[in-house]
Full PDB file with SEQRES, HELIX, SHEET, SSBOND, CRYST1, ORIGX, SCALE, CONECT and MASTER records, all heavy atoms in Angstrom:
SEQRES   1 A   32  VAL VAL ARG LEU ALA THR VAL VAL GLY ALA LEU GLY ILE          
SEQRES   2 A   32  VAL PHE GLY ASP ILE GLY THR SER PRO LEU TYR THR LEU          
SEQRES   3 A   32  GLN THR ILE PHE SER PRO                                      
HELIX    1 AA1 VAL A    2  ILE A   13  1                                  12    
HELIX    2 AA2 GLY A   16  THR A   20  1                                   5    
HELIX    3 AA3 SER A   21  LEU A   23  5                                   3    
HELIX    4 AA4 THR A   25  ILE A   29  1                                   5    
CRYST1    1.000    1.000    1.000  90.00  90.00  90.00 P 1           1          
ORIGX1      1.000000  0.000000  0.000000        0.00000                         
ORIGX2      0.000000  1.000000  0.000000        0.00000                         
ORIGX3      0.000000  0.000000  1.000000        0.00000                         
SCALE1      1.000000  0.000000  0.000000        0.00000                         
SCALE2      0.000000  1.000000  0.000000        0.00000                         
SCALE3      0.000000  0.000000  1.000000        0.00000                         
ATOM      1  N   VAL A   1     119.610  -0.181 150.657  1.00  0.00           N  
ATOM      2  CA  VAL A   1     119.081   1.150 150.320  1.00  0.00           C  
ATOM      3  C   VAL A   1     119.997   1.834 149.317  1.00  0.00           C  
ATOM      4  O   VAL A   1     119.742   2.371 148.323  1.00  0.00           O  
ATOM      5  CB  VAL A   1     118.799   2.015 151.579  1.00  0.00           C  
ATOM      6  CG1 VAL A   1     118.559   3.380 151.091  1.00  0.00           C  
ATOM      7  CG2 VAL A   1     117.705   1.481 152.317  1.00  0.00           C  
ATOM      8  N   VAL A   2     121.300   1.689 149.699  1.00  0.00           N  
ATOM      9  CA  VAL A   2     122.424   2.346 148.807  1.00  0.00           C  
ATOM     10  C   VAL A   2     122.404   1.642 147.371  1.00  0.00           C  
ATOM     11  O   VAL A   2     122.406   2.262 146.381  1.00  0.00           O  
ATOM     12  CB  VAL A   2     123.768   2.127 149.377  1.00  0.00           C  
ATOM     13  CG1 VAL A   2     124.968   2.576 148.416  1.00  0.00           C  
ATOM     14  CG2 VAL A   2     123.960   2.993 150.713  1.00  0.00           C  
ATOM     15  N   ARG A   3     122.305   0.311 147.384  1.00  0.00           N  
ATOM     16  CA  ARG A   3     122.279  -0.485 146.139  1.00  0.00           C  
ATOM     17  C   ARG A   3     120.953   0.063 145.420  1.00  0.00           C  
ATOM     18  O   ARG A   3     121.121   0.214 144.082  1.00  0.00           O  
ATOM     19  CB  ARG A   3     122.287  -1.949 146.329  1.00  0.00           C  
ATOM     20  CG  ARG A   3     122.360  -2.728 145.051  1.00  0.00           C  
ATOM     21  CD  ARG A   3     122.447  -4.213 145.328  1.00  0.00           C  
ATOM     22  NE  ARG A   3     123.709  -4.490 146.180  1.00  0.00           N  
ATOM     23  CZ  ARG A   3     123.684  -5.013 147.328  1.00  0.00           C  
ATOM     24  NH1 ARG A   3     122.550  -5.242 147.968  1.00  0.00           N  
ATOM     25  NH2 ARG A   3     124.900  -5.308 147.997  1.00  0.00           N  
ATOM     26  N   LEU A   4     119.851   0.135 146.015  1.00  0.00           N  
ATOM     27  CA  LEU A   4     118.691   0.513 145.245  1.00  0.00           C  
ATOM     28  C   LEU A   4     118.837   1.949 144.708  1.00  0.00           C  
ATOM     29  O   LEU A   4     118.391   2.198 143.548  1.00  0.00           O  
ATOM     30  CB  LEU A   4     117.472   0.454 146.242  1.00  0.00           C  
ATOM     31  CG  LEU A   4     116.067   0.897 145.600  1.00  0.00           C  
ATOM     32  CD1 LEU A   4     115.768  -0.027 144.374  1.00  0.00           C  
ATOM     33  CD2 LEU A   4     115.007   0.838 146.667  1.00  0.00           C  
ATOM     34  N   ALA A   5     119.281   2.850 145.440  1.00  0.00           N  
ATOM     35  CA  ALA A   5     119.494   4.204 145.077  1.00  0.00           C  
ATOM     36  C   ALA A   5     120.435   4.262 143.850  1.00  0.00           C  
ATOM     37  O   ALA A   5     120.322   5.049 142.818  1.00  0.00           O  
ATOM     38  CB  ALA A   5     120.127   5.043 146.126  1.00  0.00           C  
ATOM     39  N   THR A   6     121.523   3.386 143.788  1.00  0.00           N  
ATOM     40  CA  THR A   6     122.498   3.329 142.805  1.00  0.00           C  
ATOM     41  C   THR A   6     121.750   2.746 141.444  1.00  0.00           C  
ATOM     42  O   THR A   6     121.992   3.244 140.336  1.00  0.00           O  
ATOM     43  CB  THR A   6     123.656   2.451 143.015  1.00  0.00           C  
ATOM     44  OG1 THR A   6     124.268   2.878 144.307  1.00  0.00           O  
ATOM     45  CG2 THR A   6     124.711   2.579 141.951  1.00  0.00           C  
ATOM     46  N   VAL A   7     120.830   1.807 141.607  1.00  0.00           N  
ATOM     47  CA  VAL A   7     120.189   1.234 140.510  1.00  0.00           C  
ATOM     48  C   VAL A   7     119.177   2.273 139.883  1.00  0.00           C  
ATOM     49  O   VAL A   7     119.077   2.463 138.762  1.00  0.00           O  
ATOM     50  CB  VAL A   7     119.306   0.081 140.971  1.00  0.00           C  
ATOM     51  CG1 VAL A   7     118.364  -0.440 139.803  1.00  0.00           C  
ATOM     52  CG2 VAL A   7     120.210  -1.086 141.297  1.00  0.00           C  
ATOM     53  N   VAL A   8     118.599   3.127 140.768  1.00  0.00           N  
ATOM     54  CA  VAL A   8     117.688   4.171 140.353  1.00  0.00           C  
ATOM     55  C   VAL A   8     118.489   5.241 139.677  1.00  0.00           C  
ATOM     56  O   VAL A   8     117.929   5.723 138.444  1.00  0.00           O  
ATOM     57  CB  VAL A   8     116.904   4.752 141.453  1.00  0.00           C  
ATOM     58  CG1 VAL A   8     116.159   6.031 141.096  1.00  0.00           C  
ATOM     59  CG2 VAL A   8     115.880   3.770 142.040  1.00  0.00           C  
ATOM     60  N   GLY A   9     119.638   5.605 140.127  1.00  0.00           N  
ATOM     61  CA  GLY A   9     120.487   6.515 139.313  1.00  0.00           C  
ATOM     62  C   GLY A   9     120.963   6.051 138.032  1.00  0.00           C  
ATOM     63  O   GLY A   9     120.977   6.826 137.107  1.00  0.00           O  
ATOM     64  N   ALA A  10     121.305   4.739 137.936  1.00  0.00           N  
ATOM     65  CA  ALA A  10     121.640   4.145 136.682  1.00  0.00           C  
ATOM     66  C   ALA A  10     120.633   4.183 135.683  1.00  0.00           C  
ATOM     67  O   ALA A  10     120.700   4.393 134.416  1.00  0.00           O  
ATOM     68  CB  ALA A  10     122.275   2.768 136.946  1.00  0.00           C  
ATOM     69  N   LEU A  11     119.289   3.940 136.153  1.00  0.00           N  
ATOM     70  CA  LEU A  11     118.149   4.000 135.204  1.00  0.00           C  
ATOM     71  C   LEU A  11     117.992   5.234 134.720  1.00  0.00           C  
ATOM     72  O   LEU A  11     117.519   5.478 133.565  1.00  0.00           O  
ATOM     73  CB  LEU A  11     116.907   3.573 136.075  1.00  0.00           C  
ATOM     74  CG  LEU A  11     116.785   2.101 136.440  1.00  0.00           C  
ATOM     75  CD1 LEU A  11     115.663   1.754 137.330  1.00  0.00           C  
ATOM     76  CD2 LEU A  11     116.607   1.276 135.148  1.00  0.00           C  
ATOM     77  N   GLY A  12     118.263   6.414 135.471  1.00  0.00           N  
ATOM     78  CA  GLY A  12     118.087   7.680 135.019  1.00  0.00           C  
ATOM     79  C   GLY A  12     119.254   8.239 134.002  1.00  0.00           C  
ATOM     80  O   GLY A  12     119.001   9.121 133.206  1.00  0.00           O  
ATOM     81  N   ILE A  13     120.339   7.754 134.118  1.00  0.00           N  
ATOM     82  CA  ILE A  13     121.466   8.171 133.352  1.00  0.00           C  
ATOM     83  C   ILE A  13     121.911   7.160 132.266  1.00  0.00           C  
ATOM     84  O   ILE A  13     122.086   7.610 131.169  1.00  0.00           O  
ATOM     85  CB  ILE A  13     122.736   8.433 134.299  1.00  0.00           C  
ATOM     86  CG1 ILE A  13     122.343   9.461 135.380  1.00  0.00           C  
ATOM     87  CG2 ILE A  13     123.850   8.788 133.455  1.00  0.00           C  
ATOM     88  CD1 ILE A  13     122.021  10.782 134.814  1.00  0.00           C  
ATOM     89  N   VAL A  14     121.923   5.859 132.494  1.00  0.00           N  
ATOM     90  CA  VAL A  14     122.625   4.934 131.623  1.00  0.00           C  
ATOM     91  C   VAL A  14     121.660   4.461 130.535  1.00  0.00           C  
ATOM     92  O   VAL A  14     122.138   4.340 129.318  1.00  0.00           O  
ATOM     93  CB  VAL A  14     123.042   3.666 132.384  1.00  0.00           C  
ATOM     94  CG1 VAL A  14     123.612   2.620 131.438  1.00  0.00           C  
ATOM     95  CG2 VAL A  14     124.040   4.057 133.408  1.00  0.00           C  
ATOM     96  N   PHE A  15     120.312   4.331 130.805  1.00  0.00           N  
ATOM     97  CA  PHE A  15     119.507   3.557 129.796  1.00  0.00           C  
ATOM     98  C   PHE A  15     118.606   4.556 129.002  1.00  0.00           C  
ATOM     99  O   PHE A  15     117.596   4.138 128.230  1.00  0.00           O  
ATOM    100  CB  PHE A  15     118.625   2.657 130.595  1.00  0.00           C  
ATOM    101  CG  PHE A  15     119.318   1.581 131.358  1.00  0.00           C  
ATOM    102  CD1 PHE A  15     119.457   1.598 132.795  1.00  0.00           C  
ATOM    103  CD2 PHE A  15     120.007   0.573 130.696  1.00  0.00           C  
ATOM    104  CE1 PHE A  15     120.042   0.614 133.423  1.00  0.00           C  
ATOM    105  CE2 PHE A  15     120.674  -0.452 131.323  1.00  0.00           C  
ATOM    106  CZ  PHE A  15     120.759  -0.358 132.758  1.00  0.00           C  
ATOM    107  N   GLY A  16     118.905   5.880 129.101  1.00  0.00           N  
ATOM    108  CA  GLY A  16     117.989   6.778 128.406  1.00  0.00           C  
ATOM    109  C   GLY A  16     118.020   6.497 126.818  1.00  0.00           C  
ATOM    110  O   GLY A  16     116.946   6.564 126.189  1.00  0.00           O  
ATOM    111  N   ASP A  17     119.209   6.328 126.340  1.00  0.00           N  
ATOM    112  CA  ASP A  17     119.289   6.117 124.789  1.00  0.00           C  
ATOM    113  C   ASP A  17     118.617   4.780 124.338  1.00  0.00           C  
ATOM    114  O   ASP A  17     117.741   4.718 123.609  1.00  0.00           O  
ATOM    115  CB  ASP A  17     120.708   6.216 124.388  1.00  0.00           C  
ATOM    116  CG  ASP A  17     120.937   6.312 122.838  1.00  0.00           C  
ATOM    117  OD1 ASP A  17     119.960   6.305 122.210  1.00  0.00           O  
ATOM    118  OD2 ASP A  17     122.013   6.410 122.438  1.00  0.00           O  
ATOM    119  N   ILE A  18     119.046   3.709 124.900  1.00  0.00           N  
ATOM    120  CA  ILE A  18     118.505   2.437 124.516  1.00  0.00           C  
ATOM    121  C   ILE A  18     117.160   2.294 124.979  1.00  0.00           C  
ATOM    122  O   ILE A  18     116.235   1.576 124.228  1.00  0.00           O  
ATOM    123  CB  ILE A  18     119.403   1.269 125.040  1.00  0.00           C  
ATOM    124  CG1 ILE A  18     119.035   0.038 124.366  1.00  0.00           C  
ATOM    125  CG2 ILE A  18     119.143   1.111 126.673  1.00  0.00           C  
ATOM    126  CD1 ILE A  18     120.046  -1.098 124.629  1.00  0.00           C  
ATOM    127  N   GLY A  19     116.660   2.966 126.096  1.00  0.00           N  
ATOM    128  CA  GLY A  19     115.367   2.872 126.521  1.00  0.00           C  
ATOM    129  C   GLY A  19     114.340   3.672 125.678  1.00  0.00           C  
ATOM    130  O   GLY A  19     113.043   3.446 125.722  1.00  0.00           O  
ATOM    131  N   THR A  20     114.825   4.580 124.833  1.00  0.00           N  
ATOM    132  CA  THR A  20     113.911   5.353 123.936  1.00  0.00           C  
ATOM    133  C   THR A  20     113.828   4.788 122.464  1.00  0.00           C  
ATOM    134  O   THR A  20     113.149   5.336 121.654  1.00  0.00           O  
ATOM    135  CB  THR A  20     114.142   6.824 123.914  1.00  0.00           C  
ATOM    136  OG1 THR A  20     115.575   7.000 123.709  1.00  0.00           O  
ATOM    137  CG2 THR A  20     113.912   7.474 125.383  1.00  0.00           C  
ATOM    138  N   SER A  21     114.623   3.782 122.280  1.00  0.00           N  
ATOM    139  CA  SER A  21     114.705   3.129 120.921  1.00  0.00           C  
ATOM    140  C   SER A  21     113.335   2.637 120.406  1.00  0.00           C  
ATOM    141  O   SER A  21     113.057   2.745 119.231  1.00  0.00           O  
ATOM    142  CB  SER A  21     115.673   1.971 120.919  1.00  0.00           C  
ATOM    143  OG  SER A  21     117.000   2.522 121.161  1.00  0.00           O  
ATOM    144  N   PRO A  22     112.449   2.094 121.321  1.00  0.00           N  
ATOM    145  CA  PRO A  22     111.118   1.650 120.866  1.00  0.00           C  
ATOM    146  C   PRO A  22     110.364   2.834 120.220  1.00  0.00           C  
ATOM    147  O   PRO A  22     109.317   2.481 119.428  1.00  0.00           O  
ATOM    148  CB  PRO A  22     110.419   1.225 122.053  1.00  0.00           C  
ATOM    149  CG  PRO A  22     111.512   0.741 123.001  1.00  0.00           C  
ATOM    150  CD  PRO A  22     112.667   1.682 122.761  1.00  0.00           C  
ATOM    151  N   LEU A  23     110.706   3.970 120.417  1.00  0.00           N  
ATOM    152  CA  LEU A  23     109.997   5.180 119.775  1.00  0.00           C  
ATOM    153  C   LEU A  23     110.051   5.109 118.296  1.00  0.00           C  
ATOM    154  O   LEU A  23     108.997   5.390 117.526  1.00  0.00           O  
ATOM    155  CB  LEU A  23     110.600   6.461 120.203  1.00  0.00           C  
ATOM    156  CG  LEU A  23     109.992   7.140 121.525  1.00  0.00           C  
ATOM    157  CD1 LEU A  23     110.990   8.183 121.965  1.00  0.00           C  
ATOM    158  CD2 LEU A  23     108.648   7.618 121.370  1.00  0.00           C  
ATOM    159  N   TYR A  24     111.166   4.699 117.649  1.00  0.00           N  
ATOM    160  CA  TYR A  24     111.355   4.791 116.247  1.00  0.00           C  
ATOM    161  C   TYR A  24     111.798   3.584 115.576  1.00  0.00           C  
ATOM    162  O   TYR A  24     111.917   3.542 114.314  1.00  0.00           O  
ATOM    163  CB  TYR A  24     112.420   5.892 115.955  1.00  0.00           C  
ATOM    164  CG  TYR A  24     113.641   5.940 116.789  1.00  0.00           C  
ATOM    165  CD1 TYR A  24     114.668   4.935 116.533  1.00  0.00           C  
ATOM    166  CD2 TYR A  24     113.786   6.708 117.904  1.00  0.00           C  
ATOM    167  CE1 TYR A  24     115.858   4.933 117.296  1.00  0.00           C  
ATOM    168  CE2 TYR A  24     114.869   6.772 118.712  1.00  0.00           C  
ATOM    169  CZ  TYR A  24     115.927   5.714 118.481  1.00  0.00           C  
ATOM    170  OH  TYR A  24     117.092   5.839 119.196  1.00  0.00           O  
ATOM    171  N   THR A  25     112.198   2.451 116.219  1.00  0.00           N  
ATOM    172  CA  THR A  25     112.757   1.288 115.489  1.00  0.00           C  
ATOM    173  C   THR A  25     111.801   0.595 114.611  1.00  0.00           C  
ATOM    174  O   THR A  25     112.118   0.553 113.324  1.00  0.00           O  
ATOM    175  CB  THR A  25     113.266   0.297 116.602  1.00  0.00           C  
ATOM    176  OG1 THR A  25     114.295   0.968 117.435  1.00  0.00           O  
ATOM    177  CG2 THR A  25     113.931  -0.895 115.862  1.00  0.00           C  
ATOM    178  N   LEU A  26     110.686   0.145 115.123  1.00  0.00           N  
ATOM    179  CA  LEU A  26     109.704  -0.573 114.235  1.00  0.00           C  
ATOM    180  C   LEU A  26     109.190   0.435 113.181  1.00  0.00           C  
ATOM    181  O   LEU A  26     109.032  -0.056 111.962  1.00  0.00           O  
ATOM    182  CB  LEU A  26     108.587  -1.233 114.992  1.00  0.00           C  
ATOM    183  CG  LEU A  26     108.829  -2.639 115.554  1.00  0.00           C  
ATOM    184  CD1 LEU A  26     107.726  -3.049 116.455  1.00  0.00           C  
ATOM    185  CD2 LEU A  26     109.080  -3.648 114.520  1.00  0.00           C  
ATOM    186  N   GLN A  27     108.920   1.597 113.541  1.00  0.00           N  
ATOM    187  CA  GLN A  27     108.344   2.525 112.529  1.00  0.00           C  
ATOM    188  C   GLN A  27     109.292   2.783 111.407  1.00  0.00           C  
ATOM    189  O   GLN A  27     109.002   2.834 110.192  1.00  0.00           O  
ATOM    190  CB  GLN A  27     108.186   3.877 113.292  1.00  0.00           C  
ATOM    191  CG  GLN A  27     107.693   4.962 112.307  1.00  0.00           C  
ATOM    192  CD  GLN A  27     107.582   6.308 113.113  1.00  0.00           C  
ATOM    193  OE1 GLN A  27     107.163   6.330 114.183  1.00  0.00           O  
ATOM    194  NE2 GLN A  27     107.890   7.416 112.431  1.00  0.00           N  
ATOM    195  N   THR A  28     110.669   2.754 111.693  1.00  0.00           N  
ATOM    196  CA  THR A  28     111.671   2.863 110.651  1.00  0.00           C  
ATOM    197  C   THR A  28     111.757   1.619 109.778  1.00  0.00           C  
ATOM    198  O   THR A  28     111.900   1.690 108.551  1.00  0.00           O  
ATOM    199  CB  THR A  28     113.116   3.209 111.289  1.00  0.00           C  
ATOM    200  OG1 THR A  28     112.904   4.341 112.065  1.00  0.00           O  
ATOM    201  CG2 THR A  28     114.047   3.314 110.206  1.00  0.00           C  
ATOM    202  N   ILE A  29     111.725   0.462 110.397  1.00  0.00           N  
ATOM    203  CA  ILE A  29     111.813  -0.737 109.600  1.00  0.00           C  
ATOM    204  C   ILE A  29     110.668  -0.916 108.578  1.00  0.00           C  
ATOM    205  O   ILE A  29     111.000  -1.280 107.472  1.00  0.00           O  
ATOM    206  CB  ILE A  29     111.786  -2.007 110.589  1.00  0.00           C  
ATOM    207  CG1 ILE A  29     112.945  -1.960 111.490  1.00  0.00           C  
ATOM    208  CG2 ILE A  29     111.768  -3.235 109.833  1.00  0.00           C  
ATOM    209  CD1 ILE A  29     113.012  -2.998 112.532  1.00  0.00           C  
ATOM    210  N   PHE A  30     109.570  -0.530 108.864  1.00  0.00           N  
ATOM    211  CA  PHE A  30     108.447  -0.784 107.956  1.00  0.00           C  
ATOM    212  C   PHE A  30     107.950   0.531 107.273  1.00  0.00           C  
ATOM    213  O   PHE A  30     107.030   0.503 106.601  1.00  0.00           O  
ATOM    214  CB  PHE A  30     107.149  -1.338 108.762  1.00  0.00           C  
ATOM    215  CG  PHE A  30     107.376  -2.704 109.342  1.00  0.00           C  
ATOM    216  CD1 PHE A  30     107.421  -2.933 110.702  1.00  0.00           C  
ATOM    217  CD2 PHE A  30     107.455  -3.781 108.423  1.00  0.00           C  
ATOM    218  CE1 PHE A  30     107.708  -4.181 111.204  1.00  0.00           C  
ATOM    219  CE2 PHE A  30     107.605  -5.022 108.944  1.00  0.00           C  
ATOM    220  CZ  PHE A  30     107.742  -5.275 110.237  1.00  0.00           C  
ATOM    221  N   SER A  31     108.833   1.487 107.417  1.00  0.00           N  
ATOM    222  CA  SER A  31     108.452   2.776 106.812  1.00  0.00           C  
ATOM    223  C   SER A  31     108.476   2.740 105.149  1.00  0.00           C  
ATOM    224  O   SER A  31     109.446   2.198 104.671  1.00  0.00           O  
ATOM    225  CB  SER A  31     109.490   3.914 107.175  1.00  0.00           C  
ATOM    226  OG  SER A  31     109.318   5.063 106.355  1.00  0.00           O  
ATOM    227  N   PRO A  32     107.509   3.125 104.548  1.00  0.00           N  
ATOM    228  CA  PRO A  32     107.385   3.074 103.044  1.00  0.00           C  
ATOM    229  C   PRO A  32     108.508   3.990 102.459  1.00  0.00           C  
ATOM    230  O   PRO A  32     108.869   3.844 101.247  1.00  0.00           O  
ATOM    231  CB  PRO A  32     106.065   3.583 102.617  1.00  0.00           C  
ATOM    232  CG  PRO A  32     105.206   3.469 103.993  1.00  0.00           C  
ATOM    233  CD  PRO A  32     106.221   3.689 105.063  1.00  0.00           C  
TER     234      PRO A  32                                                      
MASTER        0    0    0    4    0    0    0    6  233    1    0    3          
END                                                                             
């Protein structure tokens, strides 16, 4: 349970930046 809670906490703090990269990466690559 402790390990799962730590993983959930890490998901909320650690991966925000890299996890939102799909928003703009491909759009930027093919942008005219």
